[in-house]
Amino acid sequence: MPDPARLTVRGLTKTFGSAQVLTDVELSVLPGEVHGLAGQNGSGKSTLIKIITGLYTPDPGALFEVDGRPIRLPVRWPEVHAAGVSVVHQDLGLLDQLTVSENICVGGFPTRLGRINRTRRDELAARTLDRLGVSLSPARVVGTLTAAQRAEVAIARAMRDLTPGSGLIILDESTRALSGADLEHIHQLLRRIAADGSSALMVSHSLSELMAVTDRMTVLRDGRVAGGGMPTSGLSEQELARRMLGSSVEAVTPRAVAGPQRQGAEGQEGPADPGRPAVTVTGLNGPHLADVSFSVARGEILGLTGLPGSGYEDIAYLVSGAQRAVAGELRTGSAKVNLARGSVAACLRAGVVLVPERRDRDGLAFELSMRDNISLPELGKRGRPWFVARRWQQEDAEAAAATLGIRPRAPHILVKQLSGGNQQKVLLAKWLNTGPALLVLHEPTQAVDIGARTDILHALQRAANTGTSILLVSSEPEDLVATCDRILVYGREVGLRQADAATPEQLIEEIYATSEATAGSLT
């Protein structure tokens, strides 16, 4: 008789008020497998995970089992955790000032006479790391670790109380900050966990990641199962996208360039001649990078990427004034900003705006409406101290919702009530609405579904067609190759160089070949 499924969910329905967000959902995760959960923003993935972990109460009639043993509903987290379920959340939940062993044992410190037993704590952490094949000193301070090592610590904490060969670990967008070799390193760790007999349920917006690491997949669409327990080996990314969206997704293709002018979406033209820069950055130095210079033409999308941890990620924040540079100058038309003494306000006056990676922390006011968020940068120009008209705000929000496909098209809705992909569209609309000279973006498609990704990249192309210069700082080779007119690759030892890649695979090769390149400034 075969072993029971590690996790079984049947007949799961969830209603909020009059809206049914999950309908008769079924999910089965087998022992020793990595199971993927896919679906676009708003499909019900987060609601399902919150029910499994006890944050939400499902409608009556559902069945929930772990290793064949029924779990009473609503789920009580201590009970389901005792049954062998653990979670690694998107933000990892680590405390940077504590050591590896302290982070692993948070929530379950071994004690003696009412005090933490430090010897047993370190032994438990070392034993867990060793079981996972992770080479980390328990005494390391977590704030000094790389992104991949931090993910290892979070996974080790989740696996701490599990008997080898048992249990289920849920990864809820836990790998979103990883790319390249770091991401593959965590994939290998998950494969070792599964080979030992434990199970993993991976929630991710990245179809390529799910295809690479999972054994089977379940797809949600509009709160229903659009494909359950499908063997990954028999699937393609196109088939997954079709199941997620209910239709084929429109490909993002490079814009056609004809001579020095590029025809815009509304009949406008914008120069696309890299030899005539509209924005220049010279002598940029920061805490993790040195002597960076580049330029962006009017209507050009310039991509910038590099080795993880090389410092290229900082460039978006240095050129927009969000992070103080050691040295450097930015010019846009007649405006000049000394980046060593600059600020966000100075860069905004020069026409430079930033779409940051962390929309929740740095980009949006979650307690305000879509309309209020989009209009915030324009209040000083179009509002009055004694009166802020609503009409233009409403019109701008409605136009943005229609152009970017923001759902629902309800300008009054609070941003916190939107899905992640729609929040990202609101953030993009907020700054596109200002008509910037330079739009700087850092990982604009991270943790959004394939449909939202397509909408966002198309919006960047339309903005460039109307003359906006764009700097896209990203670790996503597919986005860069599909969207950018030029791509620069940064390496700590070699500086900037221009990539000649025509495919994502070639770009990855060039990124990891920077150690053989020569440094230089590009215009």
Protein backbone atom coordinates (compact mmCIF):
# COMPACT_ATOMS: atom_id res chain seq x y z
CA MET A 1 0.00 0.00 0.00
CA PRO A 2 1.52 3.37 -1.01
CA ASP A 3 2.33 5.94 1.63
CA PRO A 4 -0.32 8.65 2.08
CA ALA A 5 0.27 12.07 0.57
CA ARG A 6 2.36 14.40 2.69
CA LEU A 7 -0.32 17.09 2.31
CA THR A 8 -3.90 16.61 1.11
CA VAL A 9 -6.39 19.43 0.60
CA ARG A 10 -9.86 18.75 -0.81
CA GLY A 11 -13.02 20.79 -1.32
CA LEU A 12 -11.39 24.00 -0.12
CA THR A 13 -13.53 27.10 -0.64
CA LYS A 14 -13.04 30.58 0.78
CA THR A 15 -15.46 33.50 0.67
CA PHE A 16 -14.83 37.09 1.72
CA GLY A 17 -18.18 38.84 1.99
CA SER A 18 -19.88 38.24 -1.35
CA ALA A 19 -16.65 37.39 -3.19
CA GLN A 20 -15.59 33.76 -3.52
CA VAL A 21 -11.80 33.75 -3.90
CA LEU A 22 -11.27 29.96 -3.76
CA THR A 23 -13.68 27.38 -5.14
CA ASP A 24 -13.40 23.63 -4.46
CA VAL A 25 -9.59 23.64 -4.54
CA GLU A 26 -7.69 20.36 -4.34
CA LEU A 27 -3.96 19.97 -3.71
CA SER A 28 -1.84 16.89 -3.06
CA VAL A 29 1.89 16.97 -2.24
CA LEU A 30 3.62 13.59 -2.23
CA PRO A 31 6.47 12.45 0.03
CA GLY A 32 9.88 13.27 -1.41
CA GLU A 33 8.72 15.71 -4.07
CA VAL A 34 9.07 19.41 -4.83
CA HIS A 35 5.59 20.56 -5.82
CA GLY A 36 5.04 23.89 -7.57
CA LEU A 37 2.07 26.20 -7.07
CA ALA A 38 1.59 28.68 -9.90
CA GLY A 39 -0.98 31.31 -10.80
CA GLN A 40 -1.10 34.97 -11.61
CA ASN A 41 -1.66 37.65 -8.99
CA GLY A 42 -5.17 37.34 -7.59
CA SER A 43 -5.51 33.66 -8.53
CA GLY A 44 -5.78 32.58 -4.88
CA LYS A 45 -2.28 31.28 -4.14
CA SER A 46 -1.74 33.52 -1.13
CA THR A 47 -5.20 32.75 0.25
CA LEU A 48 -4.53 29.01 -0.03
CA ILE A 49 -1.21 29.29 1.82
CA LYS A 50 -2.80 31.47 4.53
CA ILE A 51 -5.48 28.82 5.08
CA ILE A 52 -2.88 26.04 5.29
CA THR A 53 -0.92 28.04 7.89
CA GLY A 54 -3.98 29.09 9.91
CA LEU A 55 -4.20 32.80 9.06
CA TYR A 56 -7.53 32.41 7.26
CA THR A 57 -10.53 30.22 8.07
CA PRO A 58 -11.96 28.28 5.11
CA ASP A 59 -15.64 27.83 4.37
CA PRO A 60 -17.19 24.67 5.89
CA GLY A 61 -16.77 21.36 4.10
CA ALA A 62 -13.02 21.21 3.41
CA LEU A 63 -10.69 18.28 4.13
CA PHE A 64 -7.12 18.85 5.29
CA GLU A 65 -4.66 16.01 6.03
CA VAL A 66 -0.96 15.72 6.76
CA ASP A 67 0.54 12.24 6.22
CA GLY A 68 -3.00 10.83 6.16
CA ARG A 69 -3.93 12.31 9.55
CA PRO A 70 -6.85 14.78 9.56
CA ILE A 71 -6.12 18.33 10.72
CA ARG A 72 -9.09 20.12 12.26
CA LEU A 73 -10.28 23.28 10.62
CA PRO A 74 -9.74 26.14 10.98
CA VAL A 75 -6.06 25.27 11.14
CA ARG A 76 -4.24 26.02 14.40
CA TRP A 77 -0.64 26.76 13.53
CA PRO A 78 0.86 24.92 16.54
CA GLU A 79 -1.05 21.77 15.53
CA VAL A 80 -0.13 21.81 11.85
CA HIS A 81 3.47 22.72 12.70
CA ALA A 82 3.63 19.80 15.14
CA ALA A 83 2.37 17.59 12.29
CA GLY A 84 5.42 18.59 10.23
CA VAL A 85 4.49 21.70 8.22
CA SER A 86 6.80 24.72 8.21
CA VAL A 87 7.02 27.91 6.14
CA VAL A 88 9.72 30.14 4.68
CA HIS A 89 8.11 33.49 3.94
CA GLN A 90 8.98 35.94 1.19
CA ASP A 91 11.00 38.24 3.44
CA LEU A 92 12.71 35.22 5.13
CA GLY A 93 12.03 36.73 8.58
CA LEU A 94 15.67 36.79 9.66
CA LEU A 95 17.20 39.05 12.32
CA ASP A 96 20.40 40.53 10.93
CA GLN A 97 21.96 41.36 14.31
CA LEU A 98 21.72 37.74 15.53
CA THR A 99 23.92 34.77 14.68
CA VAL A 100 23.06 31.87 12.41
CA SER A 101 22.35 29.58 15.36
CA GLU A 102 20.18 32.21 17.08
CA ASN A 103 18.13 32.70 13.91
CA ILE A 104 17.71 28.97 13.38
CA CYS A 105 16.47 28.48 16.93
CA VAL A 106 14.13 31.50 17.11
CA GLY A 107 10.79 30.16 18.30
CA GLY A 108 12.31 26.98 19.66
CA PHE A 109 15.34 27.74 21.81
CA PRO A 110 16.51 24.79 23.95
CA THR A 111 16.43 25.83 27.59
CA ARG A 112 17.85 24.74 30.94
CA LEU A 113 16.48 26.01 34.23
CA GLY A 114 14.44 28.61 32.39
CA ARG A 115 17.37 30.02 30.45
CA ILE A 116 18.55 29.50 26.88
CA ASN A 117 21.06 26.66 26.73
CA ARG A 118 23.62 28.13 24.34
CA THR A 119 25.59 24.93 23.94
CA ARG A 120 22.52 22.94 22.92
CA ARG A 121 21.37 25.83 20.74
CA ASP A 122 24.62 25.79 18.76
CA GLU A 123 24.59 22.00 18.58
CA LEU A 124 21.04 21.99 17.24
CA ALA A 125 21.90 24.62 14.61
CA ALA A 126 25.08 22.78 13.56
CA ARG A 127 23.21 19.47 13.34
CA THR A 128 20.47 21.00 11.19
CA LEU A 129 22.95 22.69 8.85
CA ASP A 130 24.96 19.49 8.54
CA ARG A 131 21.85 17.47 7.71
CA LEU A 132 21.06 19.90 4.90
CA GLY A 133 24.63 19.91 3.62
CA VAL A 134 25.06 23.63 4.34
CA SER A 135 28.56 24.85 5.15
CA LEU A 136 27.95 27.77 7.49
CA SER A 137 29.39 28.55 10.89
CA PRO A 138 26.61 28.82 13.52
CA ALA A 139 28.51 31.78 14.98
CA ARG A 140 28.28 33.92 11.80
CA VAL A 141 26.19 37.06 12.11
CA VAL A 142 23.32 36.85 9.63
CA GLY A 143 23.75 40.47 8.54
CA THR A 144 27.11 39.52 6.97
CA LEU A 145 25.72 36.68 4.82
CA THR A 146 25.02 36.62 1.10
CA ALA A 147 21.47 36.36 -0.23
CA ALA A 148 21.86 32.62 -0.87
CA GLN A 149 23.28 31.99 2.61
CA ARG A 150 20.39 33.91 4.18
CA ALA A 151 17.96 31.68 2.30
CA GLU A 152 19.83 28.65 3.61
CA VAL A 153 19.45 29.88 7.18
CA ALA A 154 15.71 30.45 6.70
CA ILE A 155 15.28 26.95 5.24
CA ALA A 156 17.34 25.46 8.07
CA ARG A 157 15.07 27.14 10.62
CA ALA A 158 12.03 25.69 8.88
CA MET A 159 13.60 22.21 8.86
CA ARG A 160 14.90 22.42 12.45
CA ASP A 161 12.14 20.41 14.13
CA LEU A 162 11.51 17.93 11.32
CA THR A 163 12.64 14.32 11.51
CA PRO A 164 14.87 13.46 8.51
CA GLY A 165 12.73 12.13 5.68
CA SER A 166 9.50 13.68 6.97
CA GLY A 167 7.67 16.97 6.93
CA LEU A 168 6.65 19.61 4.42
CA ILE A 169 8.38 22.95 3.90
CA ILE A 170 6.41 25.69 2.14
CA LEU A 171 8.45 28.31 0.27
CA ASP A 172 6.20 31.32 -0.29
CA GLU A 173 8.09 33.42 -2.88
CA SER A 174 11.20 32.81 -0.74
CA THR A 175 13.64 32.84 -3.67
CA ARG A 176 12.49 36.12 -5.26
CA ALA A 177 15.72 37.94 -4.33
CA LEU A 178 17.98 35.26 -5.82
CA SER A 179 19.32 34.81 -9.32
CA GLY A 180 21.98 32.94 -11.24
CA ALA A 181 24.29 30.72 -9.21
CA ASP A 182 22.63 31.70 -5.91
CA LEU A 183 19.26 30.49 -7.16
CA GLU A 184 20.69 27.23 -8.49
CA HIS A 185 22.40 26.70 -5.13
CA ILE A 186 19.04 26.83 -3.34
CA HIS A 187 17.49 24.56 -5.96
CA GLN A 188 20.16 21.97 -5.21
CA LEU A 189 19.36 22.28 -1.52
CA LEU A 190 15.66 21.63 -2.22
CA ARG A 191 16.55 18.60 -4.31
CA ARG A 192 18.60 17.21 -1.41
CA ILE A 193 15.69 17.78 0.96
CA ALA A 194 13.33 15.93 -1.41
CA ALA A 195 15.83 13.11 -2.00
CA ASP A 196 15.90 12.58 1.78
CA GLY A 197 12.13 12.00 1.76
CA SER A 198 10.89 15.40 2.93
CA SER A 199 8.59 17.47 0.71
CA ALA A 200 8.53 21.05 -0.50
CA LEU A 201 5.67 23.20 -1.81
CA MET A 202 7.15 26.06 -3.83
CA VAL A 203 5.08 29.15 -4.61
CA SER A 204 6.72 31.32 -7.26
CA HIS A 205 5.85 33.74 -10.05
CA SER A 206 8.86 32.52 -12.04
CA LEU A 207 7.71 29.82 -14.43
CA SER A 208 11.29 29.05 -15.45
CA GLU A 209 12.20 28.43 -11.80
CA LEU A 210 9.22 26.15 -11.26
CA MET A 211 10.04 24.25 -14.42
CA ALA A 212 13.64 23.83 -13.29
CA VAL A 213 13.14 22.49 -9.77
CA THR A 214 9.66 20.97 -9.33
CA ASP A 215 8.46 17.41 -9.90
CA ARG A 216 4.77 18.23 -10.25
CA MET A 217 2.75 21.43 -10.44
CA THR A 218 -0.68 22.75 -9.58
CA VAL A 219 -2.00 25.86 -11.34
CA LEU A 220 -4.70 28.17 -9.97
CA ARG A 221 -6.77 30.53 -12.08
CA ASP A 222 -9.51 32.75 -10.65
CA GLY A 223 -9.59 30.71 -7.45
CA ARG A 224 -10.02 27.35 -9.18
CA VAL A 225 -7.60 24.58 -10.07
CA ALA A 226 -6.67 24.96 -13.75
CA GLY A 227 -4.28 22.03 -13.60
CA GLY A 228 -3.67 19.74 -10.62
CA GLY A 229 -0.63 17.60 -9.88
CA MET A 230 0.73 17.80 -13.42
CA PRO A 231 4.18 16.21 -13.98
CA THR A 232 6.54 19.06 -14.77
CA SER A 233 8.49 16.98 -17.29
CA GLY A 234 5.46 17.00 -19.60
CA LEU A 235 4.86 20.76 -19.45
CA SER A 236 6.18 23.82 -21.25
CA GLU A 237 6.22 27.41 -20.03
CA GLN A 238 3.73 28.25 -22.78
CA GLU A 239 1.30 25.60 -21.53
CA LEU A 240 1.65 26.84 -17.95
CA ALA A 241 1.05 30.42 -19.04
CA ARG A 242 -2.04 29.35 -21.00
CA ARG A 243 -3.45 27.56 -17.95
CA MET A 244 -2.70 30.55 -15.69
CA LEU A 245 -4.26 33.12 -18.00
CA GLY A 246 -6.89 31.09 -19.82
CA SER A 247 -5.33 32.23 -23.10
CA SER A 248 -1.95 32.56 -24.74
CA VAL A 249 0.20 35.39 -23.42
CA GLU A 250 1.40 38.06 -25.81
CA ALA A 251 5.14 37.92 -26.26
CA VAL A 252 7.31 40.92 -25.47
CA THR A 253 9.28 41.66 -28.63
CA PRO A 254 11.95 44.30 -29.22
CA ARG A 255 10.76 47.53 -30.79
CA ALA A 256 11.51 48.05 -34.46
CA VAL A 257 14.00 50.85 -35.11
CA ALA A 258 13.99 52.70 -38.41
CA GLY A 259 16.73 55.30 -38.79
CA PRO A 260 17.26 57.85 -36.04
CA GLN A 261 13.54 58.06 -35.22
CA ARG A 262 11.26 55.50 -33.58
CA GLN A 263 7.52 55.72 -34.20
CA GLY A 264 5.56 56.02 -30.93
CA ALA A 265 2.38 54.26 -29.90
CA GLU A 266 0.37 57.46 -30.38
CA GLY A 267 2.10 58.62 -33.54
CA GLN A 268 4.82 60.49 -31.64
CA GLU A 269 8.46 60.11 -32.49
CA GLY A 270 11.45 59.93 -30.19
CA PRO A 271 15.16 59.86 -31.07
CA ALA A 272 16.77 56.48 -30.65
CA ASP A 273 20.34 57.47 -31.37
CA PRO A 274 22.73 56.31 -28.58
CA GLY A 275 25.28 58.75 -29.99
CA ARG A 276 23.19 61.69 -28.77
CA PRO A 277 22.83 61.22 -25.00
CA ALA A 278 19.95 62.86 -23.18
CA VAL A 279 21.18 61.71 -19.77
CA THR A 280 24.80 61.23 -18.72
CA VAL A 281 26.30 59.83 -15.52
CA THR A 282 30.03 60.30 -15.02
CA GLY A 283 32.52 59.25 -12.34
CA LEU A 284 29.93 57.47 -10.21
CA ASN A 285 31.43 55.93 -7.07
CA GLY A 286 29.56 54.23 -4.25
CA PRO A 287 30.19 51.91 -1.33
CA HIS A 288 30.35 48.86 -3.62
CA LEU A 289 31.29 50.21 -7.04
CA ALA A 290 33.83 52.54 -8.58
CA ASP A 291 34.26 54.81 -11.61
CA VAL A 292 31.01 54.08 -13.43
CA SER A 293 30.06 56.25 -16.40
CA PHE A 294 27.31 55.79 -18.97
CA SER A 295 24.72 57.68 -20.98
CA VAL A 296 21.15 57.13 -22.11
CA ALA A 297 19.66 58.56 -25.30
CA ARG A 298 16.24 60.12 -25.52
CA GLY A 299 13.74 57.31 -26.09
CA GLU A 300 16.30 54.58 -25.30
CA ILE A 301 15.83 51.67 -22.90
CA LEU A 302 19.24 50.95 -21.41
CA GLY A 303 19.59 47.71 -19.45
CA LEU A 304 22.09 47.29 -16.63
CA THR A 305 22.95 44.01 -14.96
CA GLY A 306 25.91 42.15 -13.50
CA LEU A 307 27.16 39.50 -11.15
CA PRO A 308 25.05 39.12 -7.99
CA GLY A 309 26.57 41.21 -5.21
CA SER A 310 28.90 43.08 -7.57
CA GLY A 311 27.26 46.40 -6.73
CA TYR A 312 25.34 47.00 -9.96
CA GLU A 313 22.10 46.91 -7.93
CA ASP A 314 23.15 50.14 -6.16
CA ILE A 315 23.32 52.15 -9.38
CA ALA A 316 19.55 52.65 -9.52
CA TYR A 317 19.54 54.23 -6.06
CA LEU A 318 22.73 56.25 -6.53
CA VAL A 319 21.63 57.98 -9.76
CA SER A 320 18.17 58.77 -8.33
CA GLY A 321 19.45 60.28 -5.06
CA ALA A 322 17.91 57.57 -2.90
CA GLN A 323 21.42 56.60 -1.79
CA ARG A 324 24.26 59.11 -1.36
CA ALA A 325 27.16 58.55 -3.76
CA VAL A 326 30.81 58.94 -2.84
CA ALA A 327 31.33 60.85 -6.09
CA GLY A 328 29.62 61.33 -9.42
CA GLU A 329 27.67 63.72 -11.59
CA LEU A 330 24.35 63.38 -13.41
CA ARG A 331 23.21 65.61 -16.28
CA THR A 332 19.77 65.76 -17.88
CA GLY A 333 19.43 68.51 -20.47
CA SER A 334 20.37 71.74 -18.71
CA ALA A 335 20.14 70.23 -15.19
CA LYS A 336 23.22 69.02 -13.31
CA VAL A 337 23.29 67.10 -10.02
CA ASN A 338 26.35 66.42 -7.89
CA LEU A 339 25.43 62.93 -6.68
CA ALA A 340 27.84 63.14 -3.75
CA ARG A 341 25.75 66.00 -2.35
CA GLY A 342 22.52 65.19 -4.12
CA SER A 343 19.15 64.09 -2.83
CA VAL A 344 15.91 62.62 -4.07
CA ALA A 345 14.50 66.15 -4.34
CA ALA A 346 17.44 67.35 -6.45
CA CYS A 347 17.14 64.37 -8.80
CA LEU A 348 13.37 64.88 -9.10
CA ARG A 349 13.98 68.51 -10.12
CA ALA A 350 16.33 67.18 -12.81
CA GLY A 351 13.60 64.84 -14.05
CA VAL A 352 14.96 61.58 -12.62
CA VAL A 353 12.44 59.27 -10.96
CA LEU A 354 12.86 55.82 -9.38
CA VAL A 355 10.68 52.71 -9.33
CA PRO A 356 12.38 50.82 -6.45
CA GLU A 357 12.53 47.07 -5.93
CA ARG A 358 10.58 47.18 -2.64
CA ARG A 359 7.22 48.69 -3.56
CA ASP A 360 5.85 47.85 -0.12
CA ARG A 361 8.58 49.65 1.81
CA ASP A 362 9.89 52.32 -0.55
CA GLY A 363 7.38 52.91 -3.32
CA LEU A 364 3.73 53.03 -2.28
CA ALA A 365 1.50 54.31 0.50
CA PHE A 366 -0.51 51.15 1.16
CA GLU A 367 -3.15 52.90 3.25
CA LEU A 368 -3.97 55.35 0.46
CA SER A 369 -6.01 54.72 -2.68
CA MET A 370 -4.75 53.99 -6.16
CA ARG A 371 -5.82 57.52 -7.14
CA ASP A 372 -3.95 59.16 -4.26
CA ASN A 373 -0.77 57.20 -4.91
CA ILE A 374 -0.70 58.04 -8.62
CA SER A 375 -1.33 61.76 -8.01
CA LEU A 376 1.11 62.25 -5.09
CA PRO A 377 4.14 63.44 -7.15
CA GLU A 378 1.97 65.97 -9.01
CA LEU A 379 0.22 67.58 -6.04
CA GLY A 380 2.81 70.34 -5.73
CA LYS A 381 2.39 71.32 -9.40
CA ARG A 382 -1.33 70.86 -9.95
CA GLY A 383 -2.76 71.29 -6.47
CA ARG A 384 -3.11 74.32 -4.22
CA PRO A 385 -2.32 74.58 -0.49
CA TRP A 386 -5.94 75.35 0.25
CA PHE A 387 -7.57 73.09 -2.36
CA VAL A 388 -6.62 69.88 -4.15
CA ALA A 389 -9.05 69.16 -6.98
CA ARG A 390 -10.16 65.56 -7.37
CA ARG A 391 -11.13 65.66 -11.01
CA TRP A 392 -7.66 65.54 -12.52
CA GLN A 393 -6.61 62.89 -10.00
CA GLN A 394 -9.58 60.73 -10.97
CA GLU A 395 -8.88 61.19 -14.68
CA ASP A 396 -5.18 60.32 -14.28
CA ALA A 397 -5.99 57.19 -12.27
CA GLU A 398 -8.62 56.04 -14.75
CA ALA A 399 -6.24 56.58 -17.67
CA ALA A 400 -3.47 54.64 -15.90
CA ALA A 401 -5.82 51.77 -15.10
CA ALA A 402 -6.90 51.55 -18.72
CA THR A 403 -3.39 51.87 -20.18
CA LEU A 404 -1.61 49.48 -17.80
CA GLY A 405 -4.50 47.06 -17.27
CA ILE A 406 -4.83 47.69 -13.53
CA ARG A 407 -7.53 45.50 -12.01
CA PRO A 408 -9.97 46.37 -10.65
CA ARG A 409 -10.43 49.69 -12.44
CA ALA A 410 -11.51 51.39 -9.25
CA PRO A 411 -9.37 54.48 -8.47
CA HIS A 412 -10.80 54.69 -4.94
CA ILE A 413 -9.60 51.19 -3.93
CA LEU A 414 -6.80 51.05 -1.35
CA VAL A 415 -3.45 49.92 -2.73
CA LYS A 416 -3.13 47.28 0.00
CA GLN A 417 -6.23 45.58 -1.44
CA LEU A 418 -4.60 45.08 -4.85
CA SER A 419 -2.58 42.07 -5.92
CA GLY A 420 1.19 42.43 -6.16
CA GLY A 421 1.21 42.80 -9.93
CA ASN A 422 -1.42 45.55 -9.84
CA GLN A 423 0.44 47.32 -7.04
CA GLN A 424 3.52 47.34 -9.25
CA LYS A 425 1.50 48.86 -12.10
CA VAL A 426 0.26 51.61 -9.77
CA LEU A 427 3.86 52.38 -8.77
CA LEU A 428 4.91 52.56 -12.42
CA ALA A 429 1.94 54.77 -13.29
CA LYS A 430 2.76 57.07 -10.36
CA TRP A 431 6.09 58.02 -11.91
CA LEU A 432 5.24 57.75 -15.61
CA ASN A 433 2.53 60.32 -14.90
CA THR A 434 5.21 62.93 -14.15
CA GLY A 435 6.69 62.78 -17.67
CA PRO A 436 10.26 62.11 -16.45
CA ALA A 437 13.45 62.74 -18.37
CA LEU A 438 14.91 59.51 -16.95
CA LEU A 439 12.86 56.65 -15.54
CA VAL A 440 15.02 54.37 -13.36
CA LEU A 441 13.68 50.94 -12.42
CA HIS A 442 15.10 48.23 -10.19
CA GLU A 443 13.62 44.73 -10.68
CA PRO A 444 10.22 46.01 -11.87
CA THR A 445 8.92 42.51 -12.70
CA GLN A 446 10.08 40.73 -9.57
CA ALA A 447 7.30 38.74 -7.88
CA VAL A 448 4.67 39.55 -10.49
CA ASP A 449 2.86 37.04 -12.69
CA ILE A 450 3.50 36.54 -16.38
CA GLY A 451 0.53 38.67 -17.43
CA ALA A 452 1.58 41.63 -15.26
CA ARG A 453 5.18 41.24 -16.46
CA THR A 454 4.06 41.57 -20.08
CA ASP A 455 1.94 44.65 -19.28
CA ILE A 456 4.84 46.32 -17.44
CA LEU A 457 7.42 45.69 -20.16
CA HIS A 458 5.01 46.91 -22.85
CA ALA A 459 4.44 50.06 -20.78
CA LEU A 460 8.20 50.71 -20.72
CA GLN A 461 8.35 50.33 -24.48
CA ARG A 462 5.47 52.79 -24.94
CA ALA A 463 7.15 55.29 -22.61
CA ALA A 464 10.39 55.05 -24.57
CA ASN A 465 8.46 55.53 -27.81
CA THR A 466 7.28 58.91 -26.53
CA GLY A 467 10.83 60.04 -25.73
CA THR A 468 11.41 59.00 -22.11
CA SER A 469 14.92 57.70 -21.36
CA ILE A 470 14.81 54.51 -19.32
CA LEU A 471 17.43 52.77 -17.17
CA LEU A 472 16.33 49.20 -16.38
CA VAL A 473 18.45 47.64 -13.62
CA SER A 474 17.54 43.96 -13.49
CA SER A 475 18.75 40.43 -12.86
CA GLU A 476 16.18 39.01 -15.32
CA PRO A 477 17.93 38.14 -18.63
CA GLU A 478 14.61 37.54 -20.39
CA ASP A 479 13.35 41.05 -19.54
CA LEU A 480 16.59 42.71 -20.57
CA VAL A 481 16.95 40.94 -23.91
CA ALA A 482 13.29 41.40 -24.84
CA THR A 483 13.03 45.06 -23.84
CA CYS A 484 16.34 46.91 -24.01
CA ASP A 485 18.07 48.68 -26.89
CA ARG A 486 21.44 48.21 -25.19
CA ILE A 487 22.59 46.22 -22.17
CA LEU A 488 25.56 47.07 -19.96
CA VAL A 489 27.17 44.46 -17.71
CA TYR A 490 28.98 45.52 -14.52
CA GLY A 491 31.66 43.54 -12.70
CA ARG A 492 33.41 44.74 -9.56
CA GLU A 493 36.88 44.16 -10.98
CA VAL A 494 36.23 45.16 -14.59
CA GLY A 495 33.68 47.97 -14.53
CA LEU A 496 31.11 48.36 -17.31
CA ARG A 497 31.05 46.75 -20.72
CA GLN A 498 28.40 46.48 -23.38
CA ALA A 499 26.81 43.09 -23.92
CA ASP A 500 26.34 41.67 -27.40
CA ALA A 501 23.86 39.02 -26.29
CA ALA A 502 20.90 38.21 -28.53
CA THR A 503 19.38 35.61 -26.20
CA PRO A 504 18.94 35.29 -22.41
CA GLU A 505 21.38 32.37 -22.39
CA GLN A 506 24.06 34.42 -24.13
CA LEU A 507 23.52 37.28 -21.69
CA ILE A 508 24.00 34.94 -18.72
CA GLU A 509 27.27 33.77 -20.26
CA GLU A 510 28.43 37.36 -20.68
CA ILE A 511 27.52 38.24 -17.10
CA TYR A 512 29.68 35.44 -15.77
CA ALA A 513 32.49 36.22 -18.19
CA THR A 514 33.06 39.73 -16.88
CA SER A 515 36.24 38.63 -15.13
CA GLU A 516 37.82 38.28 -18.57
CA ALA A 517 36.67 41.68 -19.85
CA THR A 518 38.33 45.04 -19.62
CA ALA A 519 36.92 48.00 -17.79
CA GLY A 520 35.68 51.08 -19.52
CA SER A 521 33.13 53.86 -19.67
CA LEU A 522 30.39 53.57 -22.26
CA THR A 523 28.36 56.26 -24.01
